[in-house]
Amino acid sequence: MSFIQETFARDEVFNITAVTEHKVYNELKNLNEKKATRHDMVPPRQVKMPSKQLSRPILYLVHESLRCRMFLDMLKRSLITLV
Protein backbone atom coordinates (compact mmCIF):
# COMPACT_ATOMS: atom_id res chain seq x y z
CA MET A 1 0.00 0.00 0.00
CA SER A 2 2.87 2.38 0.66
CA PHE A 3 3.84 2.16 -3.03
CA ILE A 4 0.36 3.37 -4.00
CA GLN A 5 0.47 6.15 -1.42
CA GLU A 6 3.91 7.27 -2.62
CA THR A 7 3.07 7.01 -6.32
CA PHE A 8 -0.37 8.58 -6.49
CA ALA A 9 -1.50 11.94 -5.16
CA ARG A 10 -4.48 11.89 -2.78
CA ASP A 11 -6.74 13.51 -5.37
CA GLU A 12 -5.83 11.01 -8.11
CA VAL A 13 -8.19 8.14 -8.83
CA PHE A 14 -6.72 4.67 -8.49
CA ASN A 15 -8.84 1.94 -10.09
CA ILE A 16 -8.53 -1.79 -9.83
CA THR A 17 -10.64 -3.57 -12.42
CA ALA A 18 -13.01 -6.22 -11.12
CA VAL A 19 -11.77 -9.77 -11.16
CA THR A 20 -14.39 -12.28 -12.19
CA GLU A 21 -14.46 -16.05 -12.10
CA HIS A 22 -14.53 -16.02 -15.91
CA LYS A 23 -11.35 -13.90 -16.06
CA VAL A 24 -9.56 -16.23 -13.65
CA TYR A 25 -10.72 -19.25 -15.65
CA ASN A 26 -9.47 -17.72 -18.91
CA GLU A 27 -6.08 -16.92 -17.38
CA LEU A 28 -5.70 -20.48 -16.14
CA LYS A 29 -7.00 -22.00 -19.35
CA ASN A 30 -4.53 -19.97 -21.41
CA LEU A 31 -1.44 -21.00 -19.45
CA ASN A 32 1.33 -22.32 -21.65
CA GLU A 33 1.88 -25.94 -20.61
CA LYS A 34 5.33 -25.93 -22.19
CA LYS A 35 6.66 -23.30 -19.79
CA ALA A 36 8.91 -24.39 -16.95
CA THR A 37 7.74 -24.75 -13.37
CA ARG A 38 8.14 -21.46 -11.48
CA HIS A 39 9.04 -20.71 -7.87
CA ASP A 40 5.77 -22.21 -6.63
CA MET A 41 6.91 -25.59 -7.99
CA VAL A 42 3.52 -26.25 -9.62
CA PRO A 43 3.75 -27.19 -13.30
CA PRO A 44 1.43 -25.09 -15.51
CA ARG A 45 -0.30 -28.24 -16.74
CA GLN A 46 -1.45 -29.13 -13.19
CA VAL A 47 -3.13 -25.73 -12.92
CA LYS A 48 -4.47 -25.60 -16.46
CA MET A 49 -6.19 -28.99 -16.50
CA PRO A 50 -8.51 -28.30 -13.51
CA SER A 51 -8.92 -24.61 -14.42
CA LYS A 52 -12.72 -24.81 -14.15
CA GLN A 53 -12.52 -26.22 -10.62
CA LEU A 54 -9.74 -23.86 -9.49
CA SER A 55 -11.15 -20.60 -10.80
CA ARG A 56 -13.63 -20.00 -7.95
CA PRO A 57 -11.19 -20.74 -5.06
CA ILE A 58 -8.54 -18.56 -6.69
CA LEU A 59 -11.09 -15.78 -7.19
CA TYR A 60 -11.96 -16.02 -3.49
CA LEU A 61 -8.27 -15.67 -2.54
CA VAL A 62 -7.87 -12.63 -4.80
CA HIS A 63 -10.96 -10.93 -3.37
CA GLU A 64 -9.95 -11.68 0.22
CA SER A 65 -6.44 -10.35 -0.39
CA LEU A 66 -7.85 -7.10 -1.73
CA ARG A 67 -10.48 -6.82 1.00
CA CYS A 68 -7.98 -7.44 3.80
CA ARG A 69 -5.20 -5.48 2.08
CA MET A 70 -2.90 -8.45 2.61
CA PHE A 71 -0.87 -10.18 -0.06
CA LEU A 72 0.94 -13.45 0.48
CA ASP A 73 4.70 -13.02 0.27
CA MET A 74 4.92 -16.03 -2.03
CA LEU A 75 2.69 -14.23 -4.56
CA LYS A 76 5.03 -11.22 -4.65
CA ARG A 77 7.98 -13.18 -6.01
CA SER A 78 9.15 -13.08 -9.56
CA LEU A 79 11.91 -14.72 -11.47
CA ILE A 80 14.01 -12.65 -13.82
CA THR A 81 16.03 -14.44 -16.44
CA LEU A 82 18.84 -12.57 -18.14
CA VAL A 83 19.06 -13.27 -21.84
PDB file of N, CA and C in Angstrom:
ATOM      1  N   MET A   1       0.813  -1.188   0.000  1.00  0.00           N
ATOM      2  CA  MET A   1       0.000   0.000   0.000  1.00  0.00           C
ATOM      3  C   MET A   1       0.858   1.253   0.000  1.00  0.00           C
ATOM      4  N   SER A   2       2.030   1.183   0.609  1.00  0.00           N
ATOM      5  CA  SER A   2       2.867   2.379   0.657  1.00  0.00           C
ATOM      6  C   SER A   2       3.289   2.801  -0.750  1.00  0.00           C
ATOM      7  N   PHE A   3       3.495   1.828  -1.640  1.00  0.00           N
ATOM      8  CA  PHE A   3       3.841   2.161  -3.028  1.00  0.00           C
ATOM      9  C   PHE A   3       2.742   3.009  -3.654  1.00  0.00           C
ATOM     10  N   ILE A   4       1.492   2.627  -3.443  1.00  0.00           N
ATOM     11  CA  ILE A   4       0.360   3.369  -4.000  1.00  0.00           C
ATOM     12  C   ILE A   4       0.313   4.767  -3.397  1.00  0.00           C
ATOM     13  N   GLN A   5       0.499   4.845  -2.085  1.00  0.00           N
ATOM     14  CA  GLN A   5       0.467   6.147  -1.416  1.00  0.00           C
ATOM     15  C   GLN A   5       1.591   7.052  -1.902  1.00  0.00           C
ATOM     16  N   GLU A   6       2.777   6.476  -2.169  1.00  0.00           N
ATOM     17  CA  GLU A   6       3.912   7.271  -2.619  1.00  0.00           C
ATOM     18  C   GLU A   6       3.795   7.639  -4.095  1.00  0.00           C
ATOM     19  N   THR A   7       3.132   6.824  -4.878  1.00  0.00           N
ATOM     20  CA  THR A   7       3.070   7.012  -6.323  1.00  0.00           C
ATOM     21  C   THR A   7       1.930   7.924  -6.754  1.00  0.00           C
ATOM     22  N   PHE A   8       0.808   7.833  -6.085  1.00  0.00           N
ATOM     23  CA  PHE A   8      -0.370   8.579  -6.495  1.00  0.00           C
ATOM     24  C   PHE A   8      -0.693   9.682  -5.493  1.00  0.00           C
ATOM     25  N   ALA A   9      -1.059  10.841  -6.015  1.00  0.00           N
ATOM     26  CA  ALA A   9      -1.503  11.940  -5.161  1.00  0.00           C
ATOM     27  C   ALA A   9      -2.862  11.594  -4.567  1.00  0.00           C
ATOM     28  N   ARG A  10      -3.209  12.200  -3.458  1.00  0.00           N
ATOM     29  CA  ARG A  10      -4.476  11.894  -2.779  1.00  0.00           C
ATOM     30  C   ARG A  10      -5.697  12.182  -3.648  1.00  0.00           C
ATOM     31  N   ASP A  11      -5.585  13.170  -4.546  1.00  0.00           N
ATOM     32  CA  ASP A  11      -6.743  13.514  -5.372  1.00  0.00           C
ATOM     33  C   ASP A  11      -6.806  12.701  -6.667  1.00  0.00           C
ATOM     34  N   GLU A  12      -5.808  11.849  -6.916  1.00  0.00           N
ATOM     35  CA  GLU A  12      -5.833  11.006  -8.111  1.00  0.00           C
ATOM     36  C   GLU A  12      -6.720   9.789  -7.864  1.00  0.00           C
ATOM     37  N   VAL A  13      -7.330   9.326  -8.921  1.00  0.00           N
ATOM     38  CA  VAL A  13      -8.186   8.143  -8.831  1.00  0.00           C
ATOM     39  C   VAL A  13      -7.342   6.919  -9.147  1.00  0.00           C
ATOM     40  N   PHE A  14      -7.440   5.930  -8.300  1.00  0.00           N
ATOM     41  CA  PHE A  14      -6.723   4.669  -8.493  1.00  0.00           C
ATOM     42  C   PHE A  14      -7.763   3.576  -8.646  1.00  0.00           C
ATOM     43  N   ASN A  15      -7.829   2.963  -9.812  1.00  0.00           N
ATOM     44  CA  ASN A  15      -8.843   1.940 -10.086  1.00  0.00           C
ATOM     45  C   ASN A  15      -8.213   0.559 -10.211  1.00  0.00           C
ATOM     46  N   ILE A  16      -8.880  -0.386  -9.644  1.00  0.00           N
ATOM     47  CA  ILE A  16      -8.533  -1.789  -9.831  1.00  0.00           C
ATOM     48  C   ILE A  16      -9.730  -2.414 -10.523  1.00  0.00           C
ATOM     49  N   THR A  17      -9.516  -2.983 -11.698  1.00  0.00           N
ATOM     50  CA  THR A  17     -10.638  -3.569 -12.418  1.00  0.00           C
ATOM     51  C   THR A  17     -11.126  -4.826 -11.691  1.00  0.00           C
ATOM     52  N   ALA A  18     -12.401  -5.076 -11.794  1.00  0.00           N
ATOM     53  CA  ALA A  18     -13.008  -6.221 -11.121  1.00  0.00           C
ATOM     54  C   ALA A  18     -12.456  -7.525 -11.677  1.00  0.00           C
ATOM     55  N   VAL A  19     -12.215  -8.437 -10.777  1.00  0.00           N
ATOM     56  CA  VAL A  19     -11.772  -9.773 -11.156  1.00  0.00           C
ATOM     57  C   VAL A  19     -12.991 -10.672 -11.081  1.00  0.00           C
ATOM     58  N   THR A  20     -13.238 -11.380 -12.151  1.00  0.00           N
ATOM     59  CA  THR A  20     -14.391 -12.285 -12.191  1.00  0.00           C
ATOM     60  C   THR A  20     -13.917 -13.725 -12.295  1.00  0.00           C
ATOM     61  N   GLU A  21     -14.796 -14.623 -11.986  1.00  0.00           N
ATOM     62  CA  GLU A  21     -14.464 -16.047 -12.103  1.00  0.00           C
ATOM     63  C   GLU A  21     -14.111 -16.389 -13.550  1.00  0.00           C
ATOM     64  N   HIS A  22     -14.806 -15.773 -14.489  1.00  0.00           N
ATOM     65  CA  HIS A  22     -14.527 -16.019 -15.908  1.00  0.00           C
ATOM     66  C   HIS A  22     -13.124 -15.548 -16.284  1.00  0.00           C
ATOM     67  N   LYS A  23     -12.700 -14.396 -15.764  1.00  0.00           N
ATOM     68  CA  LYS A  23     -11.345 -13.902 -16.055  1.00  0.00           C
ATOM     69  C   LYS A  23     -10.288 -14.839 -15.479  1.00  0.00           C
ATOM     70  N   VAL A  24     -10.506 -15.300 -14.262  1.00  0.00           N
ATOM     71  CA  VAL A  24      -9.558 -16.232 -13.647  1.00  0.00           C
ATOM     72  C   VAL A  24      -9.498 -17.508 -14.467  1.00  0.00           C
ATOM     73  N   TYR A  25     -10.659 -18.026 -14.834  1.00  0.00           N
ATOM     74  CA  TYR A  25     -10.722 -19.250 -15.645  1.00  0.00           C
ATOM     75  C   TYR A  25      -9.958 -19.074 -16.956  1.00  0.00           C
ATOM     76  N   ASN A  26     -10.170 -17.954 -17.639  1.00  0.00           N
ATOM     77  CA  ASN A  26      -9.470 -17.717 -18.906  1.00  0.00           C
ATOM     78  C   ASN A  26      -7.963 -17.645 -18.721  1.00  0.00           C
ATOM     79  N   GLU A  27      -7.515 -16.994 -17.651  1.00  0.00           N
ATOM     80  CA  GLU A  27      -6.078 -16.917 -17.384  1.00  0.00           C
ATOM     81  C   GLU A  27      -5.489 -18.308 -17.166  1.00  0.00           C
ATOM     82  N   LEU A  28      -6.177 -19.120 -16.392  1.00  0.00           N
ATOM     83  CA  LEU A  28      -5.697 -20.480 -16.135  1.00  0.00           C
ATOM     84  C   LEU A  28      -5.739 -21.329 -17.399  1.00  0.00           C
ATOM     85  N   LYS A  29      -6.825 -21.216 -18.130  1.00  0.00           N
ATOM     86  CA  LYS A  29      -7.004 -22.003 -19.346  1.00  0.00           C
ATOM     87  C   LYS A  29      -5.942 -21.668 -20.398  1.00  0.00           C
ATOM     88  N   ASN A  30      -5.492 -20.414 -20.409  1.00  0.00           N
ATOM     89  CA  ASN A  30      -4.526 -19.971 -21.409  1.00  0.00           C
ATOM     90  C   ASN A  30      -3.074 -20.111 -20.982  1.00  0.00           C
ATOM     91  N   LEU A  31      -2.831 -20.778 -19.857  1.00  0.00           N
ATOM     92  CA  LEU A  31      -1.440 -21.005 -19.446  1.00  0.00           C
ATOM     93  C   LEU A  31      -0.730 -21.864 -20.481  1.00  0.00           C
ATOM     94  N   ASN A  32       0.519 -21.552 -20.700  1.00  0.00           N
ATOM     95  CA  ASN A  32       1.329 -22.319 -21.646  1.00  0.00           C
ATOM     96  C   ASN A  32       1.910 -23.525 -20.908  1.00  0.00           C
ATOM     97  N   GLU A  33       1.442 -24.707 -21.266  1.00  0.00           N
ATOM     98  CA  GLU A  33       1.879 -25.940 -20.608  1.00  0.00           C
ATOM     99  C   GLU A  33       3.346 -26.242 -20.834  1.00  0.00           C
ATOM    100  N   LYS A  34       3.927 -25.656 -21.854  1.00  0.00           N
ATOM    101  CA  LYS A  34       5.332 -25.934 -22.189  1.00  0.00           C
ATOM    102  C   LYS A  34       6.317 -25.093 -21.378  1.00  0.00           C
ATOM    103  N   LYS A  35       5.786 -24.134 -20.621  1.00  0.00           N
ATOM    104  CA  LYS A  35       6.658 -23.299 -19.789  1.00  0.00           C
ATOM    105  C   LYS A  35       7.161 -24.105 -18.597  1.00  0.00           C
ATOM    106  N   ALA A  36       8.308 -23.703 -18.091  1.00  0.00           N
ATOM    107  CA  ALA A  36       8.907 -24.389 -16.952  1.00  0.00           C
ATOM    108  C   ALA A  36       8.129 -24.092 -15.666  1.00  0.00           C
ATOM    109  N   THR A  37       8.318 -24.957 -14.691  1.00  0.00           N
ATOM    110  CA  THR A  37       7.740 -24.748 -13.371  1.00  0.00           C
ATOM    111  C   THR A  37       8.405 -23.534 -12.745  1.00  0.00           C
ATOM    112  N   ARG A  38       7.615 -22.683 -12.095  1.00  0.00           N
ATOM    113  CA  ARG A  38       8.139 -21.458 -11.483  1.00  0.00           C
ATOM    114  C   ARG A  38       8.481 -21.689 -10.019  1.00  0.00           C
ATOM    115  N   HIS A  39       8.652 -20.613  -9.267  1.00  0.00           N
ATOM    116  CA  HIS A  39       9.045 -20.707  -7.866  1.00  0.00           C
ATOM    117  C   HIS A  39       8.031 -21.437  -6.985  1.00  0.00           C
ATOM    118  N   ASP A  40       6.783 -21.512  -7.419  1.00  0.00           N
ATOM    119  CA  ASP A  40       5.767 -22.211  -6.634  1.00  0.00           C
ATOM    120  C   ASP A  40       5.852 -23.727  -6.794  1.00  0.00           C
ATOM    121  N   MET A  41       6.671 -24.172  -7.730  1.00  0.00           N
ATOM    122  CA  MET A  41       6.909 -25.591  -7.994  1.00  0.00           C
ATOM    123  C   MET A  41       5.670 -26.336  -8.479  1.00  0.00           C
ATOM    124  N   VAL A  42       4.720 -25.620  -9.064  1.00  0.00           N
ATOM    125  CA  VAL A  42       3.517 -26.245  -9.618  1.00  0.00           C
ATOM    126  C   VAL A  42       3.602 -26.123 -11.138  1.00  0.00           C
ATOM    127  N   PRO A  43       3.691 -27.243 -11.838  1.00  0.00           N
ATOM    128  CA  PRO A  43       3.747 -27.188 -13.296  1.00  0.00           C
ATOM    129  C   PRO A  43       2.474 -26.566 -13.873  1.00  0.00           C
ATOM    130  N   PRO A  44       2.600 -25.744 -14.906  1.00  0.00           N
ATOM    131  CA  PRO A  44       1.429 -25.095 -15.512  1.00  0.00           C
ATOM    132  C   PRO A  44       0.326 -26.084 -15.900  1.00  0.00           C
ATOM    133  N   ARG A  45       0.700 -27.252 -16.322  1.00  0.00           N
ATOM    134  CA  ARG A  45      -0.302 -28.242 -16.735  1.00  0.00           C
ATOM    135  C   ARG A  45      -1.211 -28.643 -15.573  1.00  0.00           C
ATOM    136  N   GLN A  46      -0.649 -28.733 -14.352  1.00  0.00           N
ATOM    137  CA  GLN A  46      -1.449 -29.127 -13.190  1.00  0.00           C
ATOM    138  C   GLN A  46      -2.413 -28.026 -12.753  1.00  0.00           C
ATOM    139  N   VAL A  47      -2.204 -26.819 -13.216  1.00  0.00           N
ATOM    140  CA  VAL A  47      -3.128 -25.725 -12.924  1.00  0.00           C
ATOM    141  C   VAL A  47      -4.115 -25.559 -14.077  1.00  0.00           C
ATOM    142  N   LYS A  48      -3.630 -25.797 -15.282  1.00  0.00           N
ATOM    143  CA  LYS A  48      -4.469 -25.604 -16.465  1.00  0.00           C
ATOM    144  C   LYS A  48      -5.568 -26.665 -16.574  1.00  0.00           C
ATOM    145  N   MET A  49      -5.221 -27.905 -16.324  1.00  0.00           N
ATOM    146  CA  MET A  49      -6.193 -28.986 -16.502  1.00  0.00           C
ATOM    147  C   MET A  49      -7.442 -28.807 -15.627  1.00  0.00           C
ATOM    148  N   PRO A  50      -7.297 -28.497 -14.332  1.00  0.00           N
ATOM    149  CA  PRO A  50      -8.509 -28.296 -13.508  1.00  0.00           C
ATOM    150  C   PRO A  50      -8.907 -26.815 -13.409  1.00  0.00           C
ATOM    151  N   SER A  51      -8.678 -26.061 -14.468  1.00  0.00           N
ATOM    152  CA  SER A  51      -8.924 -24.613 -14.423  1.00  0.00           C
ATOM    153  C   SER A  51     -10.364 -24.272 -14.044  1.00  0.00           C
ATOM    154  N   LYS A  52     -11.307 -25.061 -14.486  1.00  0.00           N
ATOM    155  CA  LYS A  52     -12.722 -24.808 -14.152  1.00  0.00           C
ATOM    156  C   LYS A  52     -12.946 -24.952 -12.638  1.00  0.00           C
ATOM    157  N   GLN A  53     -12.346 -25.979 -12.044  1.00  0.00           N
ATOM    158  CA  GLN A  53     -12.523 -26.224 -10.623  1.00  0.00           C
ATOM    159  C   GLN A  53     -11.712 -25.248  -9.756  1.00  0.00           C
ATOM    160  N   LEU A  54     -10.600 -24.754 -10.264  1.00  0.00           N
ATOM    161  CA  LEU A  54      -9.738 -23.862  -9.486  1.00  0.00           C
ATOM    162  C   LEU A  54     -10.131 -22.392  -9.570  1.00  0.00           C
ATOM    163  N   SER A  55     -10.879 -22.020 -10.584  1.00  0.00           N
ATOM    164  CA  SER A  55     -11.149 -20.602 -10.800  1.00  0.00           C
ATOM    165  C   SER A  55     -11.900 -19.946  -9.639  1.00  0.00           C
ATOM    166  N   ARG A  56     -12.871 -20.606  -9.066  1.00  0.00           N
ATOM    167  CA  ARG A  56     -13.628 -20.002  -7.950  1.00  0.00           C
ATOM    168  C   ARG A  56     -12.781 -19.877  -6.676  1.00  0.00           C
ATOM    169  N   PRO A  57     -12.036 -20.915  -6.245  1.00  0.00           N
ATOM    170  CA  PRO A  57     -11.187 -20.742  -5.057  1.00  0.00           C
ATOM    171  C   PRO A  57     -10.106 -19.666  -5.245  1.00  0.00           C
ATOM    172  N   ILE A  58      -9.548 -19.586  -6.436  1.00  0.00           N
ATOM    173  CA  ILE A  58      -8.540 -18.557  -6.689  1.00  0.00           C
ATOM    174  C   ILE A  58      -9.180 -17.175  -6.667  1.00  0.00           C
ATOM    175  N   LEU A  59     -10.363 -17.052  -7.239  1.00  0.00           N
ATOM    176  CA  LEU A  59     -11.088 -15.782  -7.194  1.00  0.00           C
ATOM    177  C   LEU A  59     -11.340 -15.372  -5.740  1.00  0.00           C
ATOM    178  N   TYR A  60     -11.723 -16.306  -4.908  1.00  0.00           N
ATOM    179  CA  TYR A  60     -11.958 -16.018  -3.494  1.00  0.00           C
ATOM    180  C   TYR A  60     -10.683 -15.485  -2.841  1.00  0.00           C
ATOM    181  N   LEU A  61      -9.549 -16.121  -3.112  1.00  0.00           N
ATOM    182  CA  LEU A  61      -8.273 -15.670  -2.539  1.00  0.00           C
ATOM    183  C   LEU A  61      -7.914 -14.263  -3.008  1.00  0.00           C
ATOM    184  N   VAL A  62      -8.155 -13.968  -4.262  1.00  0.00           N
ATOM    185  CA  VAL A  62      -7.872 -12.625  -4.802  1.00  0.00           C
ATOM    186  C   VAL A  62      -8.746 -11.600  -4.105  1.00  0.00           C
ATOM    187  N   HIS A  63     -10.034 -11.869  -4.014  1.00  0.00           N
ATOM    188  CA  HIS A  63     -10.956 -10.927  -3.373  1.00  0.00           C
ATOM    189  C   HIS A  63     -10.630 -10.724  -1.891  1.00  0.00           C
ATOM    190  N   GLU A  64     -10.302 -11.800  -1.199  1.00  0.00           N
ATOM    191  CA  GLU A  64      -9.952 -11.681   0.221  1.00  0.00           C
ATOM    192  C   GLU A  64      -8.652 -10.898   0.406  1.00  0.00           C
ATOM    193  N   SER A  65      -7.692 -11.105  -0.470  1.00  0.00           N
ATOM    194  CA  SER A  65      -6.439 -10.350  -0.392  1.00  0.00           C
ATOM    195  C   SER A  65      -6.691  -8.862  -0.561  1.00  0.00           C
ATOM    196  N   LEU A  66      -7.534  -8.509  -1.517  1.00  0.00           N
ATOM    197  CA  LEU A  66      -7.854  -7.098  -1.731  1.00  0.00           C
ATOM    198  C   LEU A  66      -8.669  -6.527  -0.570  1.00  0.00           C
ATOM    199  N   ARG A  67      -9.620  -7.290  -0.093  1.00  0.00           N
ATOM    200  CA  ARG A  67     -10.481  -6.820   0.998  1.00  0.00           C
ATOM    201  C   ARG A  67      -9.671  -6.589   2.272  1.00  0.00           C
ATOM    202  N   CYS A  68      -8.775  -7.519   2.564  1.00  0.00           N
ATOM    203  CA  CYS A  68      -7.979  -7.436   3.799  1.00  0.00           C
ATOM    204  C   CYS A  68      -6.715  -6.593   3.627  1.00  0.00           C
ATOM    205  N   ARG A  69      -6.432  -6.223   2.394  1.00  0.00           N
ATOM    206  CA  ARG A  69      -5.201  -5.484   2.079  1.00  0.00           C
ATOM    207  C   ARG A  69      -3.958  -6.261   2.493  1.00  0.00           C
ATOM    208  N   MET A  70      -4.022  -7.569   2.293  1.00  0.00           N
ATOM    209  CA  MET A  70      -2.898  -8.446   2.612  1.00  0.00           C
ATOM    210  C   MET A  70      -2.582  -9.285   1.378  1.00  0.00           C
ATOM    211  N   PHE A  71      -1.301  -9.406   1.105  1.00  0.00           N
ATOM    212  CA  PHE A  71      -0.866 -10.176  -0.056  1.00  0.00           C
ATOM    213  C   PHE A  71       0.192 -11.165   0.396  1.00  0.00           C
ATOM    214  N   LEU A  72      -0.013 -12.410   0.079  1.00  0.00           N
ATOM    215  CA  LEU A  72       0.937 -13.445   0.478  1.00  0.00           C
ATOM    216  C   LEU A  72       2.315 -13.151  -0.102  1.00  0.00           C
ATOM    217  N   ASP A  73       3.337 -13.278   0.727  1.00  0.00           N
ATOM    218  CA  ASP A  73       4.701 -13.022   0.266  1.00  0.00           C
ATOM    219  C   ASP A  73       5.060 -13.897  -0.926  1.00  0.00           C
ATOM    220  N   MET A  74       4.578 -15.132  -0.922  1.00  0.00           N
ATOM    221  CA  MET A  74       4.923 -16.031  -2.032  1.00  0.00           C
ATOM    222  C   MET A  74       4.330 -15.563  -3.367  1.00  0.00           C
ATOM    223  N   LEU A  75       3.284 -14.734  -3.328  1.00  0.00           N
ATOM    224  CA  LEU A  75       2.689 -14.225  -4.560  1.00  0.00           C
ATOM    225  C   LEU A  75       3.408 -12.976  -5.070  1.00  0.00           C
ATOM    226  N   LYS A  76       4.298 -12.430  -4.263  1.00  0.00           N
ATOM    227  CA  LYS A  76       5.028 -11.221  -4.646  1.00  0.00           C
ATOM    228  C   LYS A  76       6.330 -11.544  -5.363  1.00  0.00           C
ATOM    229  N   ARG A  77       6.714 -12.780  -5.396  1.00  0.00           N
ATOM    230  CA  ARG A  77       7.983 -13.179  -6.008  1.00  0.00           C
ATOM    231  C   ARG A  77       7.901 -13.138  -7.525  1.00  0.00           C
ATOM    232  N   SER A  78       9.050 -12.942  -8.113  1.00  0.00           N
ATOM    233  CA  SER A  78       9.149 -13.078  -9.563  1.00  0.00           C
ATOM    234  C   SER A  78      10.529 -13.587  -9.901  1.00  0.00           C
ATOM    235  N   LEU A  79      10.627 -14.228 -10.997  1.00  0.00           N
ATOM    236  CA  LEU A  79      11.912 -14.720 -11.473  1.00  0.00           C
ATOM    237  C   LEU A  79      12.303 -13.915 -12.698  1.00  0.00           C
ATOM    238  N   ILE A  80      13.514 -13.434 -12.692  1.00  0.00           N
ATOM    239  CA  ILE A  80      14.013 -12.652 -13.816  1.00  0.00           C
ATOM    240  C   ILE A  80      15.151 -13.445 -14.441  1.00  0.00           C
ATOM    241  N   THR A  81      15.008 -13.697 -15.725  1.00  0.00           N
ATOM    242  CA  THR A  81      16.031 -14.444 -16.442  1.00  0.00           C
ATOM    243  C   THR A  81      16.750 -13.505 -17.402  1.00  0.00           C
ATOM    244  N   LEU A  82      18.056 -13.406 -17.233  1.00  0.00           N
ATOM    245  CA  LEU A  82      18.841 -12.572 -18.139  1.00  0.00           C
ATOM    246  C   LEU A  82      19.066 -13.318 -19.443  1.00  0.00           C
ATOM    247  N   VAL A  83      18.894 -12.634 -20.524  1.00  0.00           N
ATOM    248  CA  VAL A  83      19.057 -13.272 -21.841  1.00  0.00           C
ATOM    249  C   VAL A  83      20.342 -12.784 -22.461  1.00  0.00           C
TER     250      VAL A  83
END
